[in-house]
PDB file of N, CA and C in Angstrom:
ATOM      1  N   MET A   1      -3.858  28.207 -21.291  1.00  0.00           N
ATOM      2  CA  MET A   1      -2.911  27.361 -20.580  1.00  0.00           C
ATOM      3  C   MET A   1      -3.446  27.081 -19.181  1.00  0.00           C
ATOM      4  N   SER A   2      -3.194  25.882 -18.720  1.00  0.00           N
ATOM      5  CA  SER A   2      -3.662  25.522 -17.390  1.00  0.00           C
ATOM      6  C   SER A   2      -2.613  24.693 -16.676  1.00  0.00           C
ATOM      7  N   VAL A   3      -2.735  24.686 -15.371  1.00  0.00           N
ATOM      8  CA  VAL A   3      -1.851  23.885 -14.530  1.00  0.00           C
ATOM      9  C   VAL A   3      -2.723  22.878 -13.790  1.00  0.00           C
ATOM     10  N   ASN A   4      -2.313  21.621 -13.802  1.00  0.00           N
ATOM     11  CA  ASN A   4      -3.038  20.564 -13.104  1.00  0.00           C
ATOM     12  C   ASN A   4      -2.125  19.899 -12.094  1.00  0.00           C
ATOM     13  N   THR A   5      -2.704  19.500 -10.973  1.00  0.00           N
ATOM     14  CA  THR A   5      -1.955  18.690 -10.016  1.00  0.00           C
ATOM     15  C   THR A   5      -2.263  17.224 -10.294  1.00  0.00           C
ATOM     16  N   VAL A   6      -1.253  16.391 -10.103  1.00  0.00           N
ATOM     17  CA  VAL A   6      -1.400  14.959 -10.337  1.00  0.00           C
ATOM     18  C   VAL A   6      -0.954  14.221  -9.085  1.00  0.00           C
ATOM     19  N   ALA A   7      -1.818  13.366  -8.570  1.00  0.00           N
ATOM     20  CA  ALA A   7      -1.464  12.529  -7.425  1.00  0.00           C
ATOM     21  C   ALA A   7      -0.814  11.247  -7.935  1.00  0.00           C
ATOM     22  N   HIS A   8       0.343  10.914  -7.375  1.00  0.00           N
ATOM     23  CA  HIS A   8       1.043   9.655  -7.655  1.00  0.00           C
ATOM     24  C   HIS A   8       0.926   8.815  -6.383  1.00  0.00           C
ATOM     25  N   LEU A   9       0.180   7.729  -6.432  1.00  0.00           N
ATOM     26  CA  LEU A   9      -0.088   6.910  -5.250  1.00  0.00           C
ATOM     27  C   LEU A   9       0.762   5.646  -5.278  1.00  0.00           C
ATOM     28  N   ASN A  10       1.362   5.318  -4.153  1.00  0.00           N
ATOM     29  CA  ASN A  10       2.228   4.143  -4.034  1.00  0.00           C
ATOM     30  C   ASN A  10       1.514   3.057  -3.239  1.00  0.00           C
ATOM     31  N   PHE A  11       1.530   1.843  -3.764  1.00  0.00           N
ATOM     32  CA  PHE A  11       0.861   0.712  -3.133  1.00  0.00           C
ATOM     33  C   PHE A  11       1.791  -0.490  -3.063  1.00  0.00           C
ATOM     34  N   ARG A  12       1.334  -1.502  -2.373  1.00  0.00           N
ATOM     35  CA  ARG A  12       2.024  -2.797  -2.348  1.00  0.00           C
ATOM     36  C   ARG A  12       1.010  -3.834  -2.817  1.00  0.00           C
ATOM     37  N   GLY A  13       0.831  -3.918  -4.127  1.00  0.00           N
ATOM     38  CA  GLY A  13      -0.066  -4.913  -4.698  1.00  0.00           C
ATOM     39  C   GLY A  13      -1.500  -4.471  -4.914  1.00  0.00           C
ATOM     40  N   ASP A  14      -1.852  -3.242  -4.568  1.00  0.00           N
ATOM     41  CA  ASP A  14      -3.234  -2.783  -4.695  1.00  0.00           C
ATOM     42  C   ASP A  14      -3.431  -1.661  -5.709  1.00  0.00           C
ATOM     43  N   ALA A  15      -2.419  -1.349  -6.499  1.00  0.00           N
ATOM     44  CA  ALA A  15      -2.514  -0.217  -7.429  1.00  0.00           C
ATOM     45  C   ALA A  15      -3.610  -0.423  -8.474  1.00  0.00           C
ATOM     46  N   ARG A  16      -3.716  -1.621  -9.022  1.00  0.00           N
ATOM     47  CA  ARG A  16      -4.735  -1.878 -10.052  1.00  0.00           C
ATOM     48  C   ARG A  16      -6.137  -1.624  -9.490  1.00  0.00           C
ATOM     49  N   ALA A  17      -6.424  -2.146  -8.308  1.00  0.00           N
ATOM     50  CA  ALA A  17      -7.744  -1.954  -7.695  1.00  0.00           C
ATOM     51  C   ALA A  17      -8.004  -0.476  -7.429  1.00  0.00           C
ATOM     52  N   ALA A  18      -6.989   0.245  -6.983  1.00  0.00           N
ATOM     53  CA  ALA A  18      -7.153   1.678  -6.726  1.00  0.00           C
ATOM     54  C   ALA A  18      -7.454   2.429  -8.021  1.00  0.00           C
ATOM     55  N   LEU A  19      -6.714   2.131  -9.076  1.00  0.00           N
ATOM     56  CA  LEU A  19      -6.944   2.806 -10.356  1.00  0.00           C
ATOM     57  C   LEU A  19      -8.327   2.478 -10.913  1.00  0.00           C
ATOM     58  N   GLU A  20      -8.754   1.237 -10.778  1.00  0.00           N
ATOM     59  CA  GLU A  20     -10.098   0.868 -11.232  1.00  0.00           C
ATOM     60  C   GLU A  20     -11.164   1.609 -10.427  1.00  0.00           C
ATOM     61  N   PHE A  21     -10.923   1.784  -9.130  1.00  0.00           N
ATOM     62  CA  PHE A  21     -11.852   2.553  -8.302  1.00  0.00           C
ATOM     63  C   PHE A  21     -11.929   4.000  -8.789  1.00  0.00           C
ATOM     64  N   TYR A  22     -10.771   4.644  -8.996  1.00  0.00           N
ATOM     65  CA  TYR A  22     -10.774   6.038  -9.440  1.00  0.00           C
ATOM     66  C   TYR A  22     -11.407   6.187 -10.815  1.00  0.00           C
ATOM     67  N   GLN A  23     -11.241   5.207 -11.682  1.00  0.00           N
ATOM     68  CA  GLN A  23     -11.914   5.272 -12.974  1.00  0.00           C
ATOM     69  C   GLN A  23     -13.429   5.178 -12.789  1.00  0.00           C
ATOM     70  N   SER A  24     -13.890   4.364 -11.834  1.00  0.00           N
ATOM     71  CA  SER A  24     -15.333   4.253 -11.591  1.00  0.00           C
ATOM     72  C   SER A  24     -15.906   5.557 -11.046  1.00  0.00           C
ATOM     73  N   VAL A  25     -15.085   6.324 -10.341  1.00  0.00           N
ATOM     74  CA  VAL A  25     -15.530   7.601  -9.776  1.00  0.00           C
ATOM     75  C   VAL A  25     -15.481   8.718 -10.811  1.00  0.00           C
ATOM     76  N   PHE A  26     -14.334   8.851 -11.507  1.00  0.00           N
ATOM     77  CA  PHE A  26     -14.095   9.985 -12.400  1.00  0.00           C
ATOM     78  C   PHE A  26     -14.339   9.684 -13.874  1.00  0.00           C
ATOM     79  N   GLY A  27     -14.437   8.397 -14.236  1.00  0.00           N
ATOM     80  CA  GLY A  27     -14.491   8.048 -15.653  1.00  0.00           C
ATOM     81  C   GLY A  27     -13.099   8.178 -16.249  1.00  0.00           C
ATOM     82  N   GLY A  28     -13.035   8.372 -17.533  1.00  0.00           N
ATOM     83  CA  GLY A  28     -11.745   8.596 -18.178  1.00  0.00           C
ATOM     84  C   GLY A  28     -11.080   7.327 -18.666  1.00  0.00           C
ATOM     85  N   ASP A  29      -9.853   7.500 -19.090  1.00  0.00           N
ATOM     86  CA  ASP A  29      -9.058   6.442 -19.704  1.00  0.00           C
ATOM     87  C   ASP A  29      -8.144   5.814 -18.663  1.00  0.00           C
ATOM     88  N   LEU A  30      -8.237   4.502 -18.512  1.00  0.00           N
ATOM     89  CA  LEU A  30      -7.382   3.757 -17.588  1.00  0.00           C
ATOM     90  C   LEU A  30      -6.279   3.087 -18.390  1.00  0.00           C
ATOM     91  N   ARG A  31      -5.041   3.347 -18.007  1.00  0.00           N
ATOM     92  CA  ARG A  31      -3.893   2.703 -18.657  1.00  0.00           C
ATOM     93  C   ARG A  31      -3.020   2.078 -17.588  1.00  0.00           C
ATOM     94  N   ILE A  32      -2.642   0.833 -17.822  1.00  0.00           N
ATOM     95  CA  ILE A  32      -1.820   0.102 -16.858  1.00  0.00           C
ATOM     96  C   ILE A  32      -0.715  -0.632 -17.599  1.00  0.00           C
ATOM     97  N   VAL A  33       0.499  -0.511 -17.077  1.00  0.00           N
ATOM     98  CA  VAL A  33       1.645  -1.278 -17.550  1.00  0.00           C
ATOM     99  C   VAL A  33       2.144  -2.076 -16.351  1.00  0.00           C
ATOM    100  N   THR A  34       2.317  -3.383 -16.536  1.00  0.00           N
ATOM    101  CA  THR A  34       2.765  -4.236 -15.433  1.00  0.00           C
ATOM    102  C   THR A  34       4.271  -4.480 -15.515  1.00  0.00           C
ATOM    103  N   TYR A  35       4.802  -4.994 -14.416  1.00  0.00           N
ATOM    104  CA  TYR A  35       6.216  -5.377 -14.418  1.00  0.00           C
ATOM    105  C   TYR A  35       6.469  -6.425 -15.497  1.00  0.00           C
ATOM    106  N   GLY A  36       5.507  -7.324 -15.697  1.00  0.00           N
ATOM    107  CA  GLY A  36       5.630  -8.335 -16.743  1.00  0.00           C
ATOM    108  C   GLY A  36       5.658  -7.726 -18.134  1.00  0.00           C
ATOM    109  N   ASP A  37       4.817  -6.707 -18.365  1.00  0.00           N
ATOM    110  CA  ASP A  37       4.809  -6.025 -19.661  1.00  0.00           C
ATOM    111  C   ASP A  37       6.174  -5.421 -19.975  1.00  0.00           C
ATOM    112  N   MET A  38       6.836  -4.935 -18.936  1.00  0.00           N
ATOM    113  CA  MET A  38       8.130  -4.265 -19.102  1.00  0.00           C
ATOM    114  C   MET A  38       9.292  -5.255 -19.167  1.00  0.00           C
ATOM    115  N   GLY A  39       9.015  -6.529 -18.878  1.00  0.00           N
ATOM    116  CA  GLY A  39      10.098  -7.505 -18.826  1.00  0.00           C
ATOM    117  C   GLY A  39      11.004  -7.278 -17.636  1.00  0.00           C
ATOM    118  N   ASN A  40      10.439  -6.694 -16.578  1.00  0.00           N
ATOM    119  CA  ASN A  40      11.216  -6.327 -15.395  1.00  0.00           C
ATOM    120  C   ASN A  40      10.706  -7.095 -14.177  1.00  0.00           C
ATOM    121  N   VAL A  41      10.587  -8.406 -14.316  1.00  0.00           N
ATOM    122  CA  VAL A  41      10.050  -9.233 -13.235  1.00  0.00           C
ATOM    123  C   VAL A  41      11.200  -9.842 -12.450  1.00  0.00           C
ATOM    124  N   GLN A  42      11.306  -9.435 -11.185  1.00  0.00           N
ATOM    125  CA  GLN A  42      12.317 -10.034 -10.321  1.00  0.00           C
ATOM    126  C   GLN A  42      11.696 -11.059  -9.385  1.00  0.00           C
ATOM    127  N   GLU A  43      10.417 -10.898  -9.110  1.00  0.00           N
ATOM    128  CA  GLU A  43       9.653 -11.855  -8.314  1.00  0.00           C
ATOM    129  C   GLU A  43       8.456 -12.279  -9.167  1.00  0.00           C
ATOM    130  N   PRO A  44       8.356 -13.545  -9.554  1.00  0.00           N
ATOM    131  CA  PRO A  44       7.255 -13.982 -10.420  1.00  0.00           C
ATOM    132  C   PRO A  44       5.867 -13.586  -9.910  1.00  0.00           C
ATOM    133  N   ALA A  45       5.675 -13.552  -8.607  1.00  0.00           N
ATOM    134  CA  ALA A  45       4.372 -13.185  -8.043  1.00  0.00           C
ATOM    135  C   ALA A  45       4.012 -11.727  -8.324  1.00  0.00           C
ATOM    136  N   GLU A  46       4.992 -10.914  -8.705  1.00  0.00           N
ATOM    137  CA  GLU A  46       4.754  -9.490  -8.956  1.00  0.00           C
ATOM    138  C   GLU A  46       4.592  -9.163 -10.440  1.00  0.00           C
ATOM    139  N   ALA A  47       4.585 -10.165 -11.303  1.00  0.00           N
ATOM    140  CA  ALA A  47       4.527  -9.926 -12.752  1.00  0.00           C
ATOM    141  C   ALA A  47       3.309  -9.109 -13.169  1.00  0.00           C
ATOM    142  N   ASP A  48       2.162  -9.315 -12.509  1.00  0.00           N
ATOM    143  CA  ASP A  48       0.939  -8.596 -12.871  1.00  0.00           C
ATOM    144  C   ASP A  48       0.732  -7.314 -12.074  1.00  0.00           C
ATOM    145  N   GLN A  49       1.694  -6.969 -11.234  1.00  0.00           N
ATOM    146  CA  GLN A  49       1.570  -5.725 -10.476  1.00  0.00           C
ATOM    147  C   GLN A  49       1.919  -4.527 -11.360  1.00  0.00           C
ATOM    148  N   VAL A  50       1.467  -3.365 -10.943  1.00  0.00           N
ATOM    149  CA  VAL A  50       1.541  -2.154 -11.757  1.00  0.00           C
ATOM    150  C   VAL A  50       2.881  -1.443 -11.575  1.00  0.00           C
ATOM    151  N   VAL A  51       3.612  -1.296 -12.679  1.00  0.00           N
ATOM    152  CA  VAL A  51       4.835  -0.496 -12.668  1.00  0.00           C
ATOM    153  C   VAL A  51       4.507   0.950 -13.050  1.00  0.00           C
ATOM    154  N   TRP A  52       3.447   1.139 -13.817  1.00  0.00           N
ATOM    155  CA  TRP A  52       2.964   2.471 -14.186  1.00  0.00           C
ATOM    156  C   TRP A  52       1.491   2.361 -14.506  1.00  0.00           C
ATOM    157  N   GLY A  53       0.697   3.253 -13.935  1.00  0.00           N
ATOM    158  CA  GLY A  53      -0.722   3.274 -14.245  1.00  0.00           C
ATOM    159  C   GLY A  53      -1.303   4.652 -14.035  1.00  0.00           C
ATOM    160  N   GLN A  54      -2.331   4.959 -14.817  1.00  0.00           N
ATOM    161  CA  GLN A  54      -2.988   6.249 -14.632  1.00  0.00           C
ATOM    162  C   GLN A  54      -4.424   6.202 -15.105  1.00  0.00           C
ATOM    163  N   VAL A  55      -5.226   7.047 -14.482  1.00  0.00           N
ATOM    164  CA  VAL A  55      -6.569   7.356 -14.937  1.00  0.00           C
ATOM    165  C   VAL A  55      -6.530   8.826 -15.312  1.00  0.00           C
ATOM    166  N   ALA A  56      -6.932   9.137 -16.539  1.00  0.00           N
ATOM    167  CA  ALA A  56      -6.932  10.527 -17.002  1.00  0.00           C
ATOM    168  C   ALA A  56      -8.255  10.820 -17.696  1.00  0.00           C
ATOM    169  N   THR A  57      -8.825  11.983 -17.374  1.00  0.00           N
ATOM    170  CA  THR A  57     -10.080  12.394 -17.994  1.00  0.00           C
ATOM    171  C   THR A  57      -9.831  13.580 -18.915  1.00  0.00           C
ATOM    172  N   GLU A  58     -10.760  13.796 -19.826  1.00  0.00           N
ATOM    173  CA  GLU A  58     -10.659  14.947 -20.729  1.00  0.00           C
ATOM    174  C   GLU A  58     -10.752  16.261 -19.971  1.00  0.00           C
ATOM    175  N   SER A  59     -11.382  16.257 -18.804  1.00  0.00           N
ATOM    176  CA  SER A  59     -11.525  17.490 -18.026  1.00  0.00           C
ATOM    177  C   SER A  59     -10.280  17.824 -17.211  1.00  0.00           C
ATOM    178  N   GLY A  60      -9.274  16.928 -17.230  1.00  0.00           N
ATOM    179  CA  GLY A  60      -8.009  17.233 -16.561  1.00  0.00           C
ATOM    180  C   GLY A  60      -7.725  16.470 -15.290  1.00  0.00           C
ATOM    181  N   VAL A  61      -8.657  15.630 -14.842  1.00  0.00           N
ATOM    182  CA  VAL A  61      -8.383  14.808 -13.664  1.00  0.00           C
ATOM    183  C   VAL A  61      -7.354  13.750 -14.050  1.00  0.00           C
ATOM    184  N   CYS A  62      -6.323  13.600 -13.222  1.00  0.00           N
ATOM    185  CA  CYS A  62      -5.311  12.575 -13.476  1.00  0.00           C
ATOM    186  C   CYS A  62      -4.840  12.015 -12.138  1.00  0.00           C
ATOM    187  N   VAL A  63      -4.905  10.698 -12.019  1.00  0.00           N
ATOM    188  CA  VAL A  63      -4.405   9.988 -10.845  1.00  0.00           C
ATOM    189  C   VAL A  63      -3.473   8.903 -11.365  1.00  0.00           C
ATOM    190  N   MET A  64      -2.275   8.838 -10.796  1.00  0.00           N
ATOM    191  CA  MET A  64      -1.309   7.817 -11.188  1.00  0.00           C
ATOM    192  C   MET A  64      -1.031   6.916  -9.990  1.00  0.00           C
ATOM    193  N   ALA A  65      -0.635   5.672 -10.262  1.00  0.00           N
ATOM    194  CA  ALA A  65      -0.338   4.745  -9.170  1.00  0.00           C
ATOM    195  C   ALA A  65       0.635   3.683  -9.644  1.00  0.00           C
ATOM    196  N   PHE A  66       1.361   3.124  -8.676  1.00  0.00           N
ATOM    197  CA  PHE A  66       2.195   1.969  -8.978  1.00  0.00           C
ATOM    198  C   PHE A  66       2.368   1.128  -7.730  1.00  0.00           C
ATOM    199  N   ASP A  67       2.800  -0.131  -7.948  1.00  0.00           N
ATOM    200  CA  ASP A  67       3.068  -1.057  -6.855  1.00  0.00           C
ATOM    201  C   ASP A  67       4.563  -1.068  -6.567  1.00  0.00           C
ATOM    202  N   VAL A  68       4.919  -0.746  -5.335  1.00  0.00           N
ATOM    203  CA  VAL A  68       6.316  -0.789  -4.908  1.00  0.00           C
ATOM    204  C   VAL A  68       6.727  -2.257  -4.815  1.00  0.00           C
ATOM    205  N   PRO A  69       7.808  -2.657  -5.482  1.00  0.00           N
ATOM    206  CA  PRO A  69       8.228  -4.061  -5.425  1.00  0.00           C
ATOM    207  C   PRO A  69       8.594  -4.488  -4.005  1.00  0.00           C
ATOM    208  N   ALA A  70       8.412  -5.765  -3.714  1.00  0.00           N
ATOM    209  CA  ALA A  70       8.678  -6.306  -2.374  1.00  0.00           C
ATOM    210  C   ALA A  70      10.135  -6.129  -1.952  1.00  0.00           C
ATOM    211  N   ARG A  71      11.041  -6.058  -2.910  1.00  0.00           N
ATOM    212  CA  ARG A  71      12.460  -5.927  -2.566  1.00  0.00           C
ATOM    213  C   ARG A  71      12.807  -4.529  -2.036  1.00  0.00           C
ATOM    214  N   LEU A  72      11.893  -3.570  -2.202  1.00  0.00           N
ATOM    215  CA  LEU A  72      12.121  -2.203  -1.730  1.00  0.00           C
ATOM    216  C   LEU A  72      11.317  -1.946  -0.462  1.00  0.00           C
ATOM    217  N   PRO A  73      11.871  -1.147   0.440  1.00  0.00           N
ATOM    218  CA  PRO A  73      11.112  -0.825   1.652  1.00  0.00           C
ATOM    219  C   PRO A  73       9.886   0.019   1.307  1.00  0.00           C
ATOM    220  N   TRP A  74       8.820  -0.213   2.042  1.00  0.00           N
ATOM    221  CA  TRP A  74       7.598   0.558   1.838  1.00  0.00           C
ATOM    222  C   TRP A  74       6.787   0.541   3.111  1.00  0.00           C
ATOM    223  N   ASP A  75       6.306   1.701   3.495  1.00  0.00           N
ATOM    224  CA  ASP A  75       5.451   1.854   4.670  1.00  0.00           C
ATOM    225  C   ASP A  75       4.262   2.697   4.235  1.00  0.00           C
ATOM    226  N   ARG A  76       3.062   2.177   4.388  1.00  0.00           N
ATOM    227  CA  ARG A  76       1.855   2.870   3.935  1.00  0.00           C
ATOM    228  C   ARG A  76       1.770   4.305   4.463  1.00  0.00           C
ATOM    229  N   GLY A  77       2.261   4.533   5.656  1.00  0.00           N
ATOM    230  CA  GLY A  77       2.173   5.863   6.244  1.00  0.00           C
ATOM    231  C   GLY A  77       3.340   6.781   5.918  1.00  0.00           C
ATOM    232  N   GLU A  78       4.293   6.293   5.158  1.00  0.00           N
ATOM    233  CA  GLU A  78       5.484   7.083   4.842  1.00  0.00           C
ATOM    234  C   GLU A  78       5.722   7.035   3.333  1.00  0.00           C
ATOM    235  N   HIS A  79       5.755   8.169   2.695  1.00  0.00           N
ATOM    236  CA  HIS A  79       5.956   8.257   1.240  1.00  0.00           C
ATOM    237  C   HIS A  79       4.898   7.470   0.471  1.00  0.00           C
ATOM    238  N   SER A  80       3.663   7.576   0.909  1.00  0.00           N
ATOM    239  CA  SER A  80       2.596   6.820   0.253  1.00  0.00           C
ATOM    240  C   SER A  80       2.054   7.525  -0.988  1.00  0.00           C
ATOM    241  N   PHE A  81       2.408   8.801  -1.147  1.00  0.00           N
ATOM    242  CA  PHE A  81       1.975   9.519  -2.346  1.00  0.00           C
ATOM    243  C   PHE A  81       2.913  10.682  -2.618  1.00  0.00           C
ATOM    244  N   TYR A  82       2.853  11.144  -3.850  1.00  0.00           N
ATOM    245  CA  TYR A  82       3.588  12.331  -4.283  1.00  0.00           C
ATOM    246  C   TYR A  82       2.631  13.165  -5.114  1.00  0.00           C
ATOM    247  N   MET A  83       2.880  14.440  -5.177  1.00  0.00           N
ATOM    248  CA  MET A  83       2.097  15.330  -6.030  1.00  0.00           C
ATOM    249  C   MET A  83       3.040  15.956  -7.047  1.00  0.00           C
ATOM    250  N   SER A  84       2.542  16.148  -8.257  1.00  0.00           N
ATOM    251  CA  SER A  84       3.326  16.849  -9.269  1.00  0.00           C
ATOM    252  C   SER A  84       2.422  17.853  -9.972  1.00  0.00           C
ATOM    253  N   LEU A  85       3.048  18.795 -10.622  1.00  0.00           N
ATOM    254  CA  LEU A  85       2.325  19.791 -11.411  1.00  0.00           C
ATOM    255  C   LEU A  85       2.568  19.517 -12.881  1.00  0.00           C
ATOM    256  N   ARG A  86       1.524  19.683 -13.668  1.00  0.00           N
ATOM    257  CA  ARG A  86       1.643  19.563 -15.121  1.00  0.00           C
ATOM    258  C   ARG A  86       1.063  20.813 -15.750  1.00  0.00           C
ATOM    259  N   GLY A  87       1.707  21.272 -16.775  1.00  0.00           N
ATOM    260  CA  GLY A  87       1.211  22.429 -17.501  1.00  0.00           C
ATOM    261  C   GLY A  87       1.880  22.534 -18.848  1.00  0.00           C
ATOM    262  N   SER A  88       1.320  23.372 -19.693  1.00  0.00           N
ATOM    263  CA  SER A  88       1.866  23.525 -21.035  1.00  0.00           C
ATOM    264  C   SER A  88       2.905  24.634 -21.121  1.00  0.00           C
ATOM    265  N   ASP A  89       3.031  25.438 -20.078  1.00  0.00           N
ATOM    266  CA  ASP A  89       3.982  26.551 -20.078  1.00  0.00           C
ATOM    267  C   ASP A  89       4.853  26.444 -18.830  1.00  0.00           C
ATOM    268  N   ALA A  90       6.136  26.219 -19.027  1.00  0.00           N
ATOM    269  CA  ALA A  90       7.057  26.034 -17.898  1.00  0.00           C
ATOM    270  C   ALA A  90       7.034  27.214 -16.936  1.00  0.00           C
ATOM    271  N   SER A  91       6.806  28.411 -17.431  1.00  0.00           N
ATOM    272  CA  SER A  91       6.811  29.580 -16.544  1.00  0.00           C
ATOM    273  C   SER A  91       5.645  29.547 -15.561  1.00  0.00           C
ATOM    274  N   GLU A  92       4.585  28.835 -15.883  1.00  0.00           N
ATOM    275  CA  GLU A  92       3.441  28.734 -14.975  1.00  0.00           C
ATOM    276  C   GLU A  92       3.680  27.769 -13.826  1.00  0.00           C
ATOM    277  N   ILE A  93       4.575  26.807 -14.009  1.00  0.00           N
ATOM    278  CA  ILE A  93       4.754  25.785 -12.982  1.00  0.00           C
ATOM    279  C   ILE A  93       6.097  25.864 -12.278  1.00  0.00           C
ATOM    280  N   THR A  94       6.873  26.873 -12.592  1.00  0.00           N
ATOM    281  CA  THR A  94       8.170  27.023 -11.914  1.00  0.00           C
ATOM    282  C   THR A  94       8.189  28.263 -11.066  1.00  0.00           C
TER     283      THR A  94
END
């Protein structure tokens, strides 16, 4: 059993580029779901922005990112990322 930390990065329109960069560094599987894919488009210009995305490697590296919609407040220096723990045994991460 292992515990991994996962970075969740918040962007305003740059999540796809960030995830592509991290994939170029770490390799792994890149998965992206856009606001358009989810049918959750409130601003047409944001249809191709990332509502959920991650780069994950077999060795356990995982970086997640999304684009904060324009209708929500966002400041690059405030709440720009979150960290979470993942593991197969709840007793290890609580």
